Amino acid sequence: MTIEVAAVSRALAILDAFKATESALTLGELARRTRMHKTTVLRIARTMATSRYLMQCADGSWRLGPAAGWLGARYQMMFDRVAAIELILYLRVSGLAFCSPGLAWTHVPTTQAGI
C-alpha cells in the first residue's frame, strides 16, 4: 500500500517543473506546469524558500535554490552506477521489473526485454 502525502507531492511537482535550460520561472508558469492554483504554488514556494530549495528572484520569478543543488550533488556522490546497472540487468534477465528515472517499477517480461 502506497501512502502519498499531498504537500510533499506538490512540492516535488514544483521542483520537477524546472527544465535544465531554465534559470527561473514565473509563478504563473509554475502554476500552469504543476496544474495547481497560483496561491497554492506561492504558499509551497515560500515554504521551500525557507529551506533554500527555491529562491525568489528580484523580478518575482522563482529559481532552484542551493539546497536543490546540494541534494543533487549528494545523490551523485553516493550513486553507484555499476551496482545500478547490475541490478537493472539482473531484473531484466529474471523478467521481474526495472526502474528508470521518472518511472515507477515496471514489469518487463523477458520476451519484451529482448532477452
C-alpha atoms as a PDB file:
ATOM      1  CA  MET A   1       0.000   0.000   0.000  1.00  0.00           C
ATOM      2  CA  THR A   2       1.411   3.369  -1.031  1.00  0.00           C
ATOM      3  CA  ILE A   3       0.613   6.371   1.092  1.00  0.00           C
ATOM      4  CA  GLU A   4       1.026   9.732  -0.605  1.00  0.00           C
ATOM      5  CA  VAL A   5       1.427  12.963   1.317  1.00  0.00           C
ATOM      6  CA  ALA A   6      -0.170  15.628  -0.856  1.00  0.00           C
ATOM      7  CA  ALA A   7       2.022  18.500   0.349  1.00  0.00           C
ATOM      8  CA  VAL A   8       5.206  16.569  -0.432  1.00  0.00           C
ATOM      9  CA  SER A   9       3.898  15.549  -3.849  1.00  0.00           C
ATOM     10  CA  ARG A  10       3.055  19.159  -4.643  1.00  0.00           C
ATOM     11  CA  ALA A  11       6.458  20.422  -3.537  1.00  0.00           C
ATOM     12  CA  LEU A  12       8.180  17.801  -5.691  1.00  0.00           C
ATOM     13  CA  ALA A  13       5.961  18.750  -8.632  1.00  0.00           C
ATOM     14  CA  ILE A  14       7.209  22.323  -8.310  1.00  0.00           C
ATOM     15  CA  LEU A  15      10.828  21.131  -8.374  1.00  0.00           C
ATOM     16  CA  ASP A  16      10.046  18.938 -11.391  1.00  0.00           C
ATOM     17  CA  ALA A  17       8.571  21.928 -13.248  1.00  0.00           C
ATOM     18  CA  PHE A  18      12.056  23.324 -13.883  1.00  0.00           C
ATOM     19  CA  LYS A  19      13.835  22.199 -17.034  1.00  0.00           C
ATOM     20  CA  ALA A  20      17.612  22.032 -17.233  1.00  0.00           C
ATOM     21  CA  THR A  21      17.817  25.028 -19.555  1.00  0.00           C
ATOM     22  CA  GLU A  22      15.645  27.342 -17.445  1.00  0.00           C
ATOM     23  CA  SER A  23      17.070  29.574 -14.774  1.00  0.00           C
ATOM     24  CA  ALA A  24      13.769  30.907 -13.397  1.00  0.00           C
ATOM     25  CA  LEU A  25      10.021  30.533 -13.802  1.00  0.00           C
ATOM     26  CA  THR A  26       7.190  32.923 -13.047  1.00  0.00           C
ATOM     27  CA  LEU A  27       4.546  31.973 -10.521  1.00  0.00           C
ATOM     28  CA  GLY A  28       2.042  31.687 -13.347  1.00  0.00           C
ATOM     29  CA  GLU A  29       4.260  29.302 -15.294  1.00  0.00           C
ATOM     30  CA  LEU A  30       4.853  27.158 -12.214  1.00  0.00           C
ATOM     31  CA  ALA A  31       1.098  27.038 -11.626  1.00  0.00           C
ATOM     32  CA  ARG A  32       0.450  26.079 -15.259  1.00  0.00           C
ATOM     33  CA  ARG A  33       3.074  23.332 -15.317  1.00  0.00           C
ATOM     34  CA  THR A  34       2.033  21.844 -11.993  1.00  0.00           C
ATOM     35  CA  ARG A  35      -1.709  22.320 -12.576  1.00  0.00           C
ATOM     36  CA  MET A  36      -2.049  23.989  -9.186  1.00  0.00           C
ATOM     37  CA  HIS A  37      -3.586  27.314  -8.258  1.00  0.00           C
ATOM     38  CA  LYS A  38      -1.174  30.237  -8.025  1.00  0.00           C
ATOM     39  CA  THR A  39      -1.952  30.686  -4.322  1.00  0.00           C
ATOM     40  CA  THR A  40      -1.055  27.048  -3.650  1.00  0.00           C
ATOM     41  CA  VAL A  41       2.192  27.325  -5.606  1.00  0.00           C
ATOM     42  CA  LEU A  42       3.068  30.562  -3.828  1.00  0.00           C
ATOM     43  CA  ARG A  43       2.456  29.082  -0.392  1.00  0.00           C
ATOM     44  CA  ILE A  44       4.551  25.998  -1.145  1.00  0.00           C
ATOM     45  CA  ALA A  45       7.299  28.006  -2.876  1.00  0.00           C
ATOM     46  CA  ARG A  46       7.623  30.305   0.125  1.00  0.00           C
ATOM     47  CA  THR A  47       7.864  27.285   2.412  1.00  0.00           C
ATOM     48  CA  MET A  48      10.523  25.726   0.171  1.00  0.00           C
ATOM     49  CA  ALA A  49      12.392  29.030   0.145  1.00  0.00           C
ATOM     50  CA  THR A  50      12.800  28.872   3.928  1.00  0.00           C
ATOM     51  CA  SER A  51      14.827  25.691   3.396  1.00  0.00           C
ATOM     52  CA  ARG A  52      16.596  27.180   0.353  1.00  0.00           C
ATOM     53  CA  TYR A  53      15.191  24.649  -2.127  1.00  0.00           C
ATOM     54  CA  LEU A  54      13.724  27.590  -4.044  1.00  0.00           C
ATOM     55  CA  MET A  55      14.683  31.241  -4.166  1.00  0.00           C
ATOM     56  CA  GLN A  56      12.637  34.201  -5.312  1.00  0.00           C
ATOM     57  CA  CYS A  57      14.334  36.495  -7.811  1.00  0.00           C
ATOM     58  CA  ALA A  58      14.136  40.294  -7.703  1.00  0.00           C
ATOM     59  CA  ASP A  59      11.557  40.255 -10.512  1.00  0.00           C
ATOM     60  CA  GLY A  60       9.295  37.886  -8.509  1.00  0.00           C
ATOM     61  CA  SER A  61      10.096  34.757 -10.511  1.00  0.00           C
ATOM     62  CA  TRP A  62      11.360  31.610  -8.812  1.00  0.00           C
ATOM     63  CA  ARG A  63      14.526  29.576  -9.306  1.00  0.00           C
ATOM     64  CA  LEU A  64      16.008  26.485  -7.772  1.00  0.00           C
ATOM     65  CA  GLY A  65      17.955  27.271  -4.630  1.00  0.00           C
ATOM     66  CA  PRO A  66      21.296  25.999  -3.365  1.00  0.00           C
ATOM     67  CA  ALA A  67      19.700  23.227  -1.302  1.00  0.00           C
ATOM     68  CA  ALA A  68      18.326  21.668  -4.514  1.00  0.00           C
ATOM     69  CA  GLY A  69      21.824  21.729  -5.998  1.00  0.00           C
ATOM     70  CA  TRP A  70      23.327  20.253  -2.862  1.00  0.00           C
ATOM     71  CA  LEU A  71      20.741  17.456  -2.908  1.00  0.00           C
ATOM     72  CA  GLY A  72      21.700  16.599  -6.485  1.00  0.00           C
ATOM     73  CA  ALA A  73      25.397  16.710  -5.635  1.00  0.00           C
ATOM     74  CA  ARG A  74      24.914  14.344  -2.676  1.00  0.00           C
ATOM     75  CA  TYR A  75      22.973  11.950  -4.881  1.00  0.00           C
ATOM     76  CA  GLN A  76      25.738  11.945  -7.490  1.00  0.00           C
ATOM     77  CA  MET A  77      28.424  11.367  -4.851  1.00  0.00           C
ATOM     78  CA  MET A  78      26.547   8.366  -3.456  1.00  0.00           C
ATOM     79  CA  PHE A  79      25.285   6.897  -6.719  1.00  0.00           C
ATOM     80  CA  ASP A  80      26.970   3.623  -7.656  1.00  0.00           C
ATOM     81  CA  ARG A  81      26.486   3.278 -11.421  1.00  0.00           C
ATOM     82  CA  VAL A  82      27.899  -0.235 -11.593  1.00  0.00           C
ATOM     83  CA  ALA A  83      25.557  -1.537  -8.888  1.00  0.00           C
ATOM     84  CA  ALA A  84      22.562   0.160 -10.527  1.00  0.00           C
ATOM     85  CA  ILE A  85      23.377  -1.287 -13.955  1.00  0.00           C
ATOM     86  CA  GLU A  86      23.934  -4.753 -12.487  1.00  0.00           C
ATOM     87  CA  LEU A  87      20.569  -4.596 -10.715  1.00  0.00           C
ATOM     88  CA  ILE A  88      18.721  -3.464 -13.854  1.00  0.00           C
ATOM     89  CA  LEU A  89      20.365  -6.185 -15.934  1.00  0.00           C
ATOM     90  CA  TYR A  90      19.589  -8.827 -13.308  1.00  0.00           C
ATOM     91  CA  LEU A  91      15.953  -7.764 -13.100  1.00  0.00           C
ATOM     92  CA  ARG A  92      15.583  -7.699 -16.872  1.00  0.00           C
ATOM     93  CA  VAL A  93      17.154 -11.138 -17.274  1.00  0.00           C
ATOM     94  CA  SER A  94      14.986 -12.556 -14.494  1.00  0.00           C
ATOM     95  CA  GLY A  95      11.879 -10.962 -16.045  1.00  0.00           C
ATOM     96  CA  LEU A  96      10.959  -9.196 -12.818  1.00  0.00           C
ATOM     97  CA  ALA A  97      10.971  -5.436 -13.116  1.00  0.00           C
ATOM     98  CA  PHE A  98      13.157  -2.416 -13.547  1.00  0.00           C
ATOM     99  CA  CYS A  99      13.005   1.223 -12.637  1.00  0.00           C
ATOM    100  CA  SER A 100      14.152   4.095 -14.776  1.00  0.00           C
ATOM    101  CA  PRO A 101      14.239   7.773 -13.791  1.00  0.00           C
ATOM    102  CA  GLY A 102      10.774   9.251 -13.619  1.00  0.00           C
ATOM    103  CA  LEU A 103       9.008   5.906 -13.950  1.00  0.00           C
ATOM    104  CA  ALA A 104       7.605   3.509 -11.421  1.00  0.00           C
ATOM    105  CA  TRP A 105       8.778  -0.084 -11.133  1.00  0.00           C
ATOM    106  CA  THR A 106       7.614  -1.784 -14.280  1.00  0.00           C
ATOM    107  CA  HIS A 107       7.188  -5.473 -15.036  1.00  0.00           C
ATOM    108  CA  VAL A 108       9.074  -6.408 -18.168  1.00  0.00           C
ATOM    109  CA  PRO A 109       8.593  -9.943 -19.471  1.00  0.00           C
ATOM    110  CA  THR A 110      11.845 -11.384 -20.767  1.00  0.00           C
ATOM    111  CA  THR A 111      10.354 -11.686 -24.265  1.00  0.00           C
ATOM    112  CA  GLN A 112       9.578  -7.956 -24.298  1.00  0.00           C
ATOM    113  CA  ALA A 113      13.014  -7.113 -22.892  1.00  0.00           C
ATOM    114  CA  GLY A 114      14.580  -8.824 -25.895  1.00  0.00           C
ATOM    115  CA  ILE A 115      16.249 -11.490 -23.781  1.00  0.00           C
END
